[in-house]
Amino acid sequence: RIGFKLDFVATDWGTVGARRAVKGPPGQGGWNMFHTWHAGGDCIN
């Protein structure tokens, strides 16, 4: 809706955990964004 073209990679959490550590460009196994969440107890300070 904003105007991006989208490459939506539907995968599993284990793959996200490994791929998000890759610092190369998306075409070389990297990425542009991913979703996660954080425990509130980790974010109080």
All heavy atoms as atom14 arrays in JSON, in Angstrom:
{
  "sequence": "RIGFKLDFVATDWGTVGARRAVKGPPGQGGWNMFHTWHAGGDCIN",
  "atom14_mask": [
    [1, 1, 1, 1, 1, 1, 1, 1, 1, 1, 1, 0, 0, 0],
    [1, 1, 1, 1, 1, 1, 1, 1, 0, 0, 0, 0, 0, 0],
    [1, 1, 1, 1, 0, 0, 0, 0, 0, 0, 0, 0, 0, 0],
    [1, 1, 1, 1, 1, 1, 1, 1, 1, 1, 1, 0, 0, 0],
    [1, 1, 1, 1, 1, 1, 1, 1, 1, 0, 0, 0, 0, 0],
    [1, 1, 1, 1, 1, 1, 1, 1, 0, 0, 0, 0, 0, 0],
    [1, 1, 1, 1, 1, 1, 1, 1, 0, 0, 0, 0, 0, 0],
    [1, 1, 1, 1, 1, 1, 1, 1, 1, 1, 1, 0, 0, 0],
    [1, 1, 1, 1, 1, 1, 1, 0, 0, 0, 0, 0, 0, 0],
    [1, 1, 1, 1, 1, 0, 0, 0, 0, 0, 0, 0, 0, 0],
    [1, 1, 1, 1, 1, 1, 1, 0, 0, 0, 0, 0, 0, 0],
    [1, 1, 1, 1, 1, 1, 1, 1, 0, 0, 0, 0, 0, 0],
    [1, 1, 1, 1, 1, 1, 1, 1, 1, 1, 1, 1, 1, 1],
    [1, 1, 1, 1, 0, 0, 0, 0, 0, 0, 0, 0, 0, 0],
    [1, 1, 1, 1, 1, 1, 1, 0, 0, 0, 0, 0, 0, 0],
    [1, 1, 1, 1, 1, 1, 1, 0, 0, 0, 0, 0, 0, 0],
    [1, 1, 1, 1, 0, 0, 0, 0, 0, 0, 0, 0, 0, 0],
    [1, 1, 1, 1, 1, 0, 0, 0, 0, 0, 0, 0, 0, 0],
    [1, 1, 1, 1, 1, 1, 1, 1, 1, 1, 1, 0, 0, 0],
    [1, 1, 1, 1, 1, 1, 1, 1, 1, 1, 1, 0, 0, 0],
    [1, 1, 1, 1, 1, 0, 0, 0, 0, 0, 0, 0, 0, 0],
    [1, 1, 1, 1, 1, 1, 1, 0, 0, 0, 0, 0, 0, 0],
    [1, 1, 1, 1, 1, 1, 1, 1, 1, 0, 0, 0, 0, 0],
    [1, 1, 1, 1, 0, 0, 0, 0, 0, 0, 0, 0, 0, 0],
    [1, 1, 1, 1, 1, 1, 1, 0, 0, 0, 0, 0, 0, 0],
    [1, 1, 1, 1, 1, 1, 1, 0, 0, 0, 0, 0, 0, 0],
    [1, 1, 1, 1, 0, 0, 0, 0, 0, 0, 0, 0, 0, 0],
    [1, 1, 1, 1, 1, 1, 1, 1, 1, 0, 0, 0, 0, 0],
    [1, 1, 1, 1, 0, 0, 0, 0, 0, 0, 0, 0, 0, 0],
    [1, 1, 1, 1, 0, 0, 0, 0, 0, 0, 0, 0, 0, 0],
    [1, 1, 1, 1, 1, 1, 1, 1, 1, 1, 1, 1, 1, 1],
    [1, 1, 1, 1, 1, 1, 1, 1, 0, 0, 0, 0, 0, 0],
    [1, 1, 1, 1, 1, 1, 1, 1, 0, 0, 0, 0, 0, 0],
    [1, 1, 1, 1, 1, 1, 1, 1, 1, 1, 1, 0, 0, 0],
    [1, 1, 1, 1, 1, 1, 1, 1, 1, 1, 0, 0, 0, 0],
    [1, 1, 1, 1, 1, 1, 1, 0, 0, 0, 0, 0, 0, 0],
    [1, 1, 1, 1, 1, 1, 1, 1, 1, 1, 1, 1, 1, 1],
    [1, 1, 1, 1, 1, 1, 1, 1, 1, 1, 0, 0, 0, 0],
    [1, 1, 1, 1, 1, 0, 0, 0, 0, 0, 0, 0, 0, 0],
    [1, 1, 1, 1, 0, 0, 0, 0, 0, 0, 0, 0, 0, 0],
    [1, 1, 1, 1, 0, 0, 0, 0, 0, 0, 0, 0, 0, 0],
    [1, 1, 1, 1, 1, 1, 1, 1, 0, 0, 0, 0, 0, 0],
    [1, 1, 1, 1, 1, 1, 0, 0, 0, 0, 0, 0, 0, 0],
    [1, 1, 1, 1, 1, 1, 1, 1, 0, 0, 0, 0, 0, 0],
    [1, 1, 1, 1, 1, 1, 1, 1, 0, 0, 0, 0, 0, 0]
  ],
  "atom14_positions": [
    [[0.82, -1.21, 0.0], [0.0, 0.0, 0.0], [0.86, 1.26, 0.0], [0.48, 2.28, -0.57], [-0.92, 0.01, 1.22], [-2.03, -1.04, 1.15], [-2.76, -1.14, 2.48], [-3.47, 0.1, 2.8], [-3.92, 0.41, 4.0], [-3.72, -0.44, 5.02], [-4.55, 1.53, 4.2], [0.0, 0.0, 0.0], [0.0, 0.0, 0.0], [0.0, 0.0, 0.0]],
    [[2.03, 1.19, 0.61], [2.93, 2.35, 0.63], [3.59, 2.54, -0.72], [3.87, 3.68, -1.12], [4.01, 2.17, 1.71], [3.39, 2.06, 3.09], [4.98, 3.35, 1.71], [4.39, 1.68, 4.17], [0.0, 0.0, 0.0], [0.0, 0.0, 0.0], [0.0, 0.0, 0.0], [0.0, 0.0, 0.0], [0.0, 0.0, 0.0], [0.0, 0.0, 0.0]],
    [[3.85, 1.45, -1.44], [4.51, 1.58, -2.73], [5.73, 0.7, -2.91], [6.46, 0.84, -3.89], [0.0, 0.0, 0.0], [0.0, 0.0, 0.0], [0.0, 0.0, 0.0], [0.0, 0.0, 0.0], [0.0, 0.0, 0.0], [0.0, 0.0, 0.0], [0.0, 0.0, 0.0], [0.0, 0.0, 0.0], [0.0, 0.0, 0.0], [0.0, 0.0, 0.0]],
    [[5.94, -0.24, -2.0], [7.06, -1.17, -2.15], [6.7, -2.31, -3.08], [5.54, -2.74, -3.13], [7.42, -1.78, -0.79], [8.13, -0.88, 0.17], [7.41, -0.2, 1.14], [9.51, -0.72, 0.11], [8.05, 0.63, 2.05], [10.16, 0.1, 1.02], [9.43, 0.78, 1.98], [0.0, 0.0, 0.0], [0.0, 0.0, 0.0], [0.0, 0.0, 0.0]],
    [[7.68, -2.82, -3.78], [7.56, -4.14, -4.4], [8.03, -5.15, -3.37], [8.99, -4.89, -2.63], [8.4, -4.22, -5.68], [7.86, -3.37, -6.81], [8.69, -3.56, -8.07], [8.15, -2.71, -9.21], [8.98, -2.84, -10.43], [0.0, 0.0, 0.0], [0.0, 0.0, 0.0], [0.0, 0.0, 0.0], [0.0, 0.0, 0.0], [0.0, 0.0, 0.0]],
    [[7.39, -6.31, -3.34], [7.59, -7.22, -2.23], [8.09, -8.58, -2.67], [7.57, -9.18, -3.6], [6.26, -7.39, -1.48], [6.28, -8.15, -0.15], [7.15, -7.42, 0.86], [4.86, -8.31, 0.38], [0.0, 0.0, 0.0], [0.0, 0.0, 0.0], [0.0, 0.0, 0.0], [0.0, 0.0, 0.0], [0.0, 0.0, 0.0], [0.0, 0.0, 0.0]],
    [[9.15, -9.03, -2.02], [9.63, -10.42, -2.13], [9.35, -11.06, -0.78], [10.15, -10.96, 0.15], [11.12, -10.44, -2.46], [11.71, -11.84, -2.43], [10.93, -12.81, -2.58], [12.94, -11.97, -2.23], [0.0, 0.0, 0.0], [0.0, 0.0, 0.0], [0.0, 0.0, 0.0], [0.0, 0.0, 0.0], [0.0, 0.0, 0.0], [0.0, 0.0, 0.0]],
    [[8.21, -11.72, -0.67], [7.76, -12.28, 0.6], [8.25, -13.72, 0.7], [7.8, -14.59, -0.04], [6.23, -12.23, 0.68], [5.67, -12.54, 2.03], [5.46, -11.53, 2.97], [5.33, -13.84, 2.38], [4.94, -11.81, 4.22], [4.79, -14.14, 3.63], [4.6, -13.11, 4.56], [0.0, 0.0, 0.0], [0.0, 0.0, 0.0], [0.0, 0.0, 0.0]],
    [[9.18, -13.96, 1.62], [9.77, -15.29, 1.79], [9.09, -15.97, 2.97], [9.38, -15.68, 4.13], [11.28, -15.2, 2.02], [11.87, -16.59, 2.19], [11.96, -14.46, 0.86], [0.0, 0.0, 0.0], [0.0, 0.0, 0.0], [0.0, 0.0, 0.0], [0.0, 0.0, 0.0], [0.0, 0.0, 0.0], [0.0, 0.0, 0.0], [0.0, 0.0, 0.0]],
    [[8.15, -16.85, 2.67], [7.45, -17.61, 3.71], [8.31, -18.81, 4.07], [8.56, -19.68, 3.23], [6.08, -18.05, 3.21], [0.0, 0.0, 0.0], [0.0, 0.0, 0.0], [0.0, 0.0, 0.0], [0.0, 0.0, 0.0], [0.0, 0.0, 0.0], [0.0, 0.0, 0.0], [0.0, 0.0, 0.0], [0.0, 0.0, 0.0], [0.0, 0.0, 0.0]],
    [[8.77, -18.86, 5.32], [9.7, -19.91, 5.71], [9.4, -20.35, 7.14], [8.31, -20.11, 7.65], [11.15, -19.4, 5.55], [12.06, -20.46, 5.83], [11.45, -18.22, 6.46], [0.0, 0.0, 0.0], [0.0, 0.0, 0.0], [0.0, 0.0, 0.0], [0.0, 0.0, 0.0], [0.0, 0.0, 0.0], [0.0, 0.0, 0.0], [0.0, 0.0, 0.0]],
    [[10.33, -21.0, 7.78], [10.15, -21.44, 9.17], [11.06, -20.64, 10.09], [12.0, -19.97, 9.65], [10.44, -22.94, 9.3], [11.87, -23.27, 8.92], [12.76, -23.21, 9.79], [12.11, -23.57, 7.73], [0.0, 0.0, 0.0], [0.0, 0.0, 0.0], [0.0, 0.0, 0.0], [0.0, 0.0, 0.0], [0.0, 0.0, 0.0], [0.0, 0.0, 0.0]],
    [[10.77, -20.71, 11.39], [11.48, -19.89, 12.37], [12.96, -20.25, 12.45], [13.82, -19.38, 12.63], [10.82, -20.04, 13.73], [11.34, -19.13, 14.8], [11.76, -19.51, 16.04], [11.47, -17.7, 14.77], [12.14, -18.4, 16.78], [11.97, -17.28, 16.01], [11.21, -16.73, 13.79], [12.23, -15.95, 16.32], [11.47, -15.39, 14.1], [11.98, -15.02, 15.34]],
    [[13.29, -21.53, 12.28], [14.69, -21.91, 12.3], [15.47, -21.28, 11.17], [16.6, -20.82, 11.35], [0.0, 0.0, 0.0], [0.0, 0.0, 0.0], [0.0, 0.0, 0.0], [0.0, 0.0, 0.0], [0.0, 0.0, 0.0], [0.0, 0.0, 0.0], [0.0, 0.0, 0.0], [0.0, 0.0, 0.0], [0.0, 0.0, 0.0], [0.0, 0.0, 0.0]],
    [[14.85, -21.23, 9.99], [15.51, -20.61, 8.84], [15.67, -19.11, 9.04], [16.7, -18.53, 8.69], [14.72, -20.9, 7.55], [14.65, -22.32, 7.35], [15.37, -20.24, 6.35], [0.0, 0.0, 0.0], [0.0, 0.0, 0.0], [0.0, 0.0, 0.0], [0.0, 0.0, 0.0], [0.0, 0.0, 0.0], [0.0, 0.0, 0.0], [0.0, 0.0, 0.0]],
    [[14.65, -18.47, 9.61], [14.77, -17.04, 9.91], [15.94, -16.81, 10.86], [16.74, -15.89, 10.67], [13.46, -16.49, 10.53], [13.67, -15.07, 11.05], [12.34, -16.5, 9.5], [0.0, 0.0, 0.0], [0.0, 0.0, 0.0], [0.0, 0.0, 0.0], [0.0, 0.0, 0.0], [0.0, 0.0, 0.0], [0.0, 0.0, 0.0], [0.0, 0.0, 0.0]],
    [[16.04, -17.66, 11.89], [17.12, -17.51, 12.85], [18.49, -17.61, 12.22], [19.43, -16.91, 12.63], [0.0, 0.0, 0.0], [0.0, 0.0, 0.0], [0.0, 0.0, 0.0], [0.0, 0.0, 0.0], [0.0, 0.0, 0.0], [0.0, 0.0, 0.0], [0.0, 0.0, 0.0], [0.0, 0.0, 0.0], [0.0, 0.0, 0.0], [0.0, 0.0, 0.0]],
    [[18.64, -18.46, 11.21], [19.92, -18.59, 10.53], [20.13, -17.48, 9.51], [21.22, -16.88, 9.43], [20.0, -19.96, 9.86], [0.0, 0.0, 0.0], [0.0, 0.0, 0.0], [0.0, 0.0, 0.0], [0.0, 0.0, 0.0], [0.0, 0.0, 0.0], [0.0, 0.0, 0.0], [0.0, 0.0, 0.0], [0.0, 0.0, 0.0], [0.0, 0.0, 0.0]],
    [[19.09, -17.17, 8.75], [19.26, -16.22, 7.65], [19.46, -14.78, 8.15], [20.17, -14.0, 7.53], [18.06, -16.29, 6.71], [18.22, -15.43, 5.46], [17.19, -15.76, 4.4], [17.34, -14.88, 3.26], [16.61, -14.96, 2.14], [15.67, -15.9, 2.03], [16.8, -14.11, 1.14], [0.0, 0.0, 0.0], [0.0, 0.0, 0.0], [0.0, 0.0, 0.0]],
    [[18.85, -14.44, 9.28], [18.98, -13.06, 9.75], [20.4, -12.74, 10.18], [20.75, -11.56, 10.34], [18.01, -12.81, 10.91], [18.32, -13.57, 12.19], [17.27, -13.35, 13.26], [17.6, -14.05, 14.5], [16.86, -14.0, 15.6], [15.74, -13.29, 15.6], [17.23, -14.65, 16.68], [0.0, 0.0, 0.0], [0.0, 0.0, 0.0], [0.0, 0.0, 0.0]],
    [[21.24, -13.74, 10.36], [22.64, -13.52, 10.7], [23.5, -13.23, 9.48], [24.66, -12.83, 9.62], [23.2, -14.72, 11.44], [0.0, 0.0, 0.0], [0.0, 0.0, 0.0], [0.0, 0.0, 0.0], [0.0, 0.0, 0.0], [0.0, 0.0, 0.0], [0.0, 0.0, 0.0], [0.0, 0.0, 0.0], [0.0, 0.0, 0.0], [0.0, 0.0, 0.0]],
    [[22.94, -13.39, 8.28], [23.69, -13.18, 7.04], [23.72, -11.68, 6.73], [22.68, -11.04, 6.6], [23.05, -13.95, 5.87], [23.79, -13.66, 4.57], [23.04, -15.45, 6.17], [0.0, 0.0, 0.0], [0.0, 0.0, 0.0], [0.0, 0.0, 0.0], [0.0, 0.0, 0.0], [0.0, 0.0, 0.0], [0.0, 0.0, 0.0], [0.0, 0.0, 0.0]],
    [[24.91, -11.13, 6.57], [25.06, -9.69, 6.34], [25.1, -9.31, 4.86], [25.11, -8.13, 4.53], [26.32, -9.18, 7.03], [26.23, -9.2, 8.56], [27.43, -8.53, 9.19], [27.27, -8.45, 10.71], [28.42, -7.78, 11.36], [0.0, 0.0, 0.0], [0.0, 0.0, 0.0], [0.0, 0.0, 0.0], [0.0, 0.0, 0.0], [0.0, 0.0, 0.0]],
    [[25.11, -10.3, 3.97], [25.14, -10.0, 2.55], [23.8, -9.54, 2.03], [22.79, -9.54, 2.74], [0.0, 0.0, 0.0], [0.0, 0.0, 0.0], [0.0, 0.0, 0.0], [0.0, 0.0, 0.0], [0.0, 0.0, 0.0], [0.0, 0.0, 0.0], [0.0, 0.0, 0.0], [0.0, 0.0, 0.0], [0.0, 0.0, 0.0], [0.0, 0.0, 0.0]],
    [[23.73, -9.12, 0.75], [22.47, -8.67, 0.15], [21.48, -9.83, 0.01], [21.86, -11.0, 0.05], [22.91, -8.13, -1.21], [24.21, -8.79, -1.5], [24.87, -9.01, -0.17], [0.0, 0.0, 0.0], [0.0, 0.0, 0.0], [0.0, 0.0, 0.0], [0.0, 0.0, 0.0], [0.0, 0.0, 0.0], [0.0, 0.0, 0.0], [0.0, 0.0, 0.0]],
    [[20.2, -9.5, -0.16], [19.18, -10.56, -0.27], [19.48, -11.6, -1.34], [19.21, -12.78, -1.15], [17.91, -9.77, -0.59], [18.13, -8.44, 0.05], [19.59, -8.15, -0.14], [0.0, 0.0, 0.0], [0.0, 0.0, 0.0], [0.0, 0.0, 0.0], [0.0, 0.0, 0.0], [0.0, 0.0, 0.0], [0.0, 0.0, 0.0], [0.0, 0.0, 0.0]],
    [[20.07, -11.18, -2.44], [20.39, -12.12, -3.51], [21.47, -13.1, -3.16], [21.68, -14.08, -3.86], [0.0, 0.0, 0.0], [0.0, 0.0, 0.0], [0.0, 0.0, 0.0], [0.0, 0.0, 0.0], [0.0, 0.0, 0.0], [0.0, 0.0, 0.0], [0.0, 0.0, 0.0], [0.0, 0.0, 0.0], [0.0, 0.0, 0.0], [0.0, 0.0, 0.0]],
    [[22.17, -12.84, -2.05], [23.23, -13.73, -1.59], [22.88, -14.33, -0.23], [23.74, -14.61, 0.6], [24.55, -12.96, -1.51], [25.02, -12.44, -2.86], [26.3, -11.62, -2.76], [27.03, -11.72, -1.78], [26.56, -10.82, -3.77], [0.0, 0.0, 0.0], [0.0, 0.0, 0.0], [0.0, 0.0, 0.0], [0.0, 0.0, 0.0], [0.0, 0.0, 0.0]],
    [[21.57, -14.52, 0.0], [21.13, -15.15, 1.23], [20.8, -14.2, 2.36], [20.47, -14.63, 3.45], [0.0, 0.0, 0.0], [0.0, 0.0, 0.0], [0.0, 0.0, 0.0], [0.0, 0.0, 0.0], [0.0, 0.0, 0.0], [0.0, 0.0, 0.0], [0.0, 0.0, 0.0], [0.0, 0.0, 0.0], [0.0, 0.0, 0.0], [0.0, 0.0, 0.0]],
    [[20.89, -12.89, 2.09], [20.59, -11.9, 3.11], [19.11, -11.55, 3.15], [18.26, -12.31, 2.69], [0.0, 0.0, 0.0], [0.0, 0.0, 0.0], [0.0, 0.0, 0.0], [0.0, 0.0, 0.0], [0.0, 0.0, 0.0], [0.0, 0.0, 0.0], [0.0, 0.0, 0.0], [0.0, 0.0, 0.0], [0.0, 0.0, 0.0], [0.0, 0.0, 0.0]],
    [[18.79, -10.35, 3.62], [17.39, -9.99, 3.87], [17.27, -8.48, 4.0], [18.26, -7.78, 4.19], [16.89, -10.67, 5.15], [17.78, -10.38, 6.34], [18.96, -11.0, 6.65], [17.59, -9.37, 7.33], [19.51, -10.45, 7.79], [18.69, -9.46, 8.24], [16.6, -8.41, 7.58], [18.83, -8.61, 9.33], [16.73, -7.58, 8.67], [17.83, -7.68, 9.54]],
    [[16.02, -8.01, 3.93], [15.73, -6.59, 4.16], [14.97, -6.35, 5.47], [15.19, -5.35, 6.13], [14.92, -6.0, 3.01], [15.69, -5.92, 1.71], [15.27, -6.47, 0.7], [16.84, -5.27, 1.74], [0.0, 0.0, 0.0], [0.0, 0.0, 0.0], [0.0, 0.0, 0.0], [0.0, 0.0, 0.0], [0.0, 0.0, 0.0], [0.0, 0.0, 0.0]],
    [[14.06, -7.24, 5.83], [13.34, -7.12, 7.1], [12.83, -8.48, 7.54], [12.66, -9.38, 6.74], [12.18, -6.12, 7.0], [11.06, -6.44, 6.03], [9.83, -7.7, 6.56], [9.38, -7.13, 8.17], [0.0, 0.0, 0.0], [0.0, 0.0, 0.0], [0.0, 0.0, 0.0], [0.0, 0.0, 0.0], [0.0, 0.0, 0.0], [0.0, 0.0, 0.0]],
    [[12.63, -8.59, 8.85], [11.97, -9.77, 9.41], [11.17, -9.34, 10.62], [11.33, -8.22, 11.13], [12.97, -10.88, 9.77], [13.84, -10.59, 10.96], [13.47, -10.95, 12.25], [15.09, -9.98, 10.8], [14.28, -10.7, 13.35], [15.91, -9.73, 11.88], [15.51, -10.09, 13.16], [0.0, 0.0, 0.0], [0.0, 0.0, 0.0], [0.0, 0.0, 0.0]],
    [[10.3, -10.21, 11.09], [9.51, -9.93, 12.3], [9.96, -10.85, 13.43], [10.29, -12.01, 13.23], [8.02, -10.16, 12.04], [7.35, -9.02, 11.38], [7.24, -7.77, 11.97], [6.74, -8.9, 10.17], [6.6, -6.95, 11.16], [6.29, -7.61, 10.06], [0.0, 0.0, 0.0], [0.0, 0.0, 0.0], [0.0, 0.0, 0.0], [0.0, 0.0, 0.0]],
    [[9.93, -10.27, 14.63], [10.14, -11.04, 15.84], [9.39, -10.35, 16.96], [8.53, -9.51, 16.72], [11.65, -11.18, 16.16], [11.82, -12.1, 17.25], [12.29, -9.85, 16.48], [0.0, 0.0, 0.0], [0.0, 0.0, 0.0], [0.0, 0.0, 0.0], [0.0, 0.0, 0.0], [0.0, 0.0, 0.0], [0.0, 0.0, 0.0], [0.0, 0.0, 0.0]],
    [[9.69, -10.71, 18.2], [9.1, -10.04, 19.35], [10.07, -10.19, 20.52], [11.0, -11.01, 20.48], [7.73, -10.64, 19.68], [7.79, -12.0, 20.33], [7.7, -12.29, 21.66], [7.98, -13.26, 19.67], [7.81, -13.65, 21.87], [7.99, -14.26, 20.67], [8.15, -13.63, 18.33], [8.15, -15.6, 20.36], [8.32, -14.96, 18.03], [8.31, -15.94, 19.05]],
    [[9.87, -9.38, 21.55], [10.77, -9.38, 22.69], [9.95, -9.44, 23.98], [8.93, -8.76, 24.1], [11.65, -8.13, 22.69], [12.32, -7.9, 21.38], [13.32, -8.71, 20.91], [12.1, -6.96, 20.41], [13.69, -8.29, 19.72], [12.97, -7.23, 19.4], [0.0, 0.0, 0.0], [0.0, 0.0, 0.0], [0.0, 0.0, 0.0], [0.0, 0.0, 0.0]],
    [[10.44, -10.21, 24.93], [9.78, -10.27, 26.22], [9.84, -8.9, 26.88], [10.89, -8.25, 26.89], [10.46, -11.3, 27.11], [0.0, 0.0, 0.0], [0.0, 0.0, 0.0], [0.0, 0.0, 0.0], [0.0, 0.0, 0.0], [0.0, 0.0, 0.0], [0.0, 0.0, 0.0], [0.0, 0.0, 0.0], [0.0, 0.0, 0.0], [0.0, 0.0, 0.0]],
    [[8.71, -8.47, 27.45], [8.69, -7.18, 28.12], [9.71, -7.08, 29.23], [10.25, -6.0, 29.5], [0.0, 0.0, 0.0], [0.0, 0.0, 0.0], [0.0, 0.0, 0.0], [0.0, 0.0, 0.0], [0.0, 0.0, 0.0], [0.0, 0.0, 0.0], [0.0, 0.0, 0.0], [0.0, 0.0, 0.0], [0.0, 0.0, 0.0], [0.0, 0.0, 0.0]],
    [[10.02, -8.21, 29.88], [11.02, -8.22, 30.92], [12.41, -7.87, 30.42], [13.26, -7.41, 31.19], [0.0, 0.0, 0.0], [0.0, 0.0, 0.0], [0.0, 0.0, 0.0], [0.0, 0.0, 0.0], [0.0, 0.0, 0.0], [0.0, 0.0, 0.0], [0.0, 0.0, 0.0], [0.0, 0.0, 0.0], [0.0, 0.0, 0.0], [0.0, 0.0, 0.0]],
    [[12.66, -8.09, 29.11], [13.94, -7.72, 28.52], [14.02, -6.25, 28.17], [15.11, -5.74, 27.89], [14.17, -8.52, 27.23], [14.38, -10.0, 27.47], [14.5, -10.41, 28.64], [14.4, -10.75, 26.48], [0.0, 0.0, 0.0], [0.0, 0.0, 0.0], [0.0, 0.0, 0.0], [0.0, 0.0, 0.0], [0.0, 0.0, 0.0], [0.0, 0.0, 0.0]],
    [[12.87, -5.57, 28.16], [12.79, -4.22, 27.6], [12.44, -3.16, 28.63], [11.99, -2.06, 28.28], [11.77, -4.19, 26.46], [12.04, -5.44, 25.19], [0.0, 0.0, 0.0], [0.0, 0.0, 0.0], [0.0, 0.0, 0.0], [0.0, 0.0, 0.0], [0.0, 0.0, 0.0], [0.0, 0.0, 0.0], [0.0, 0.0, 0.0], [0.0, 0.0, 0.0]],
    [[12.63, -3.45, 29.92], [12.27, -2.47, 30.94], [13.36, -1.42, 31.14], [13.12, -0.35, 31.69], [11.94, -3.15, 32.28], [13.12, -3.98, 32.78], [10.69, -4.02, 32.15], [12.89, -4.61, 34.14], [0.0, 0.0, 0.0], [0.0, 0.0, 0.0], [0.0, 0.0, 0.0], [0.0, 0.0, 0.0], [0.0, 0.0, 0.0], [0.0, 0.0, 0.0]],
    [[14.57, -1.73, 30.71], [15.68, -0.78, 30.75], [16.72, -1.22, 29.72], [16.6, -2.3, 29.14], [16.27, -0.67, 32.17], [16.86, -1.97, 32.65], [17.63, -2.63, 31.96], [16.52, -2.37, 33.87], [0.0, 0.0, 0.0], [0.0, 0.0, 0.0], [0.0, 0.0, 0.0], [0.0, 0.0, 0.0], [0.0, 0.0, 0.0], [0.0, 0.0, 0.0]]
  ]
}
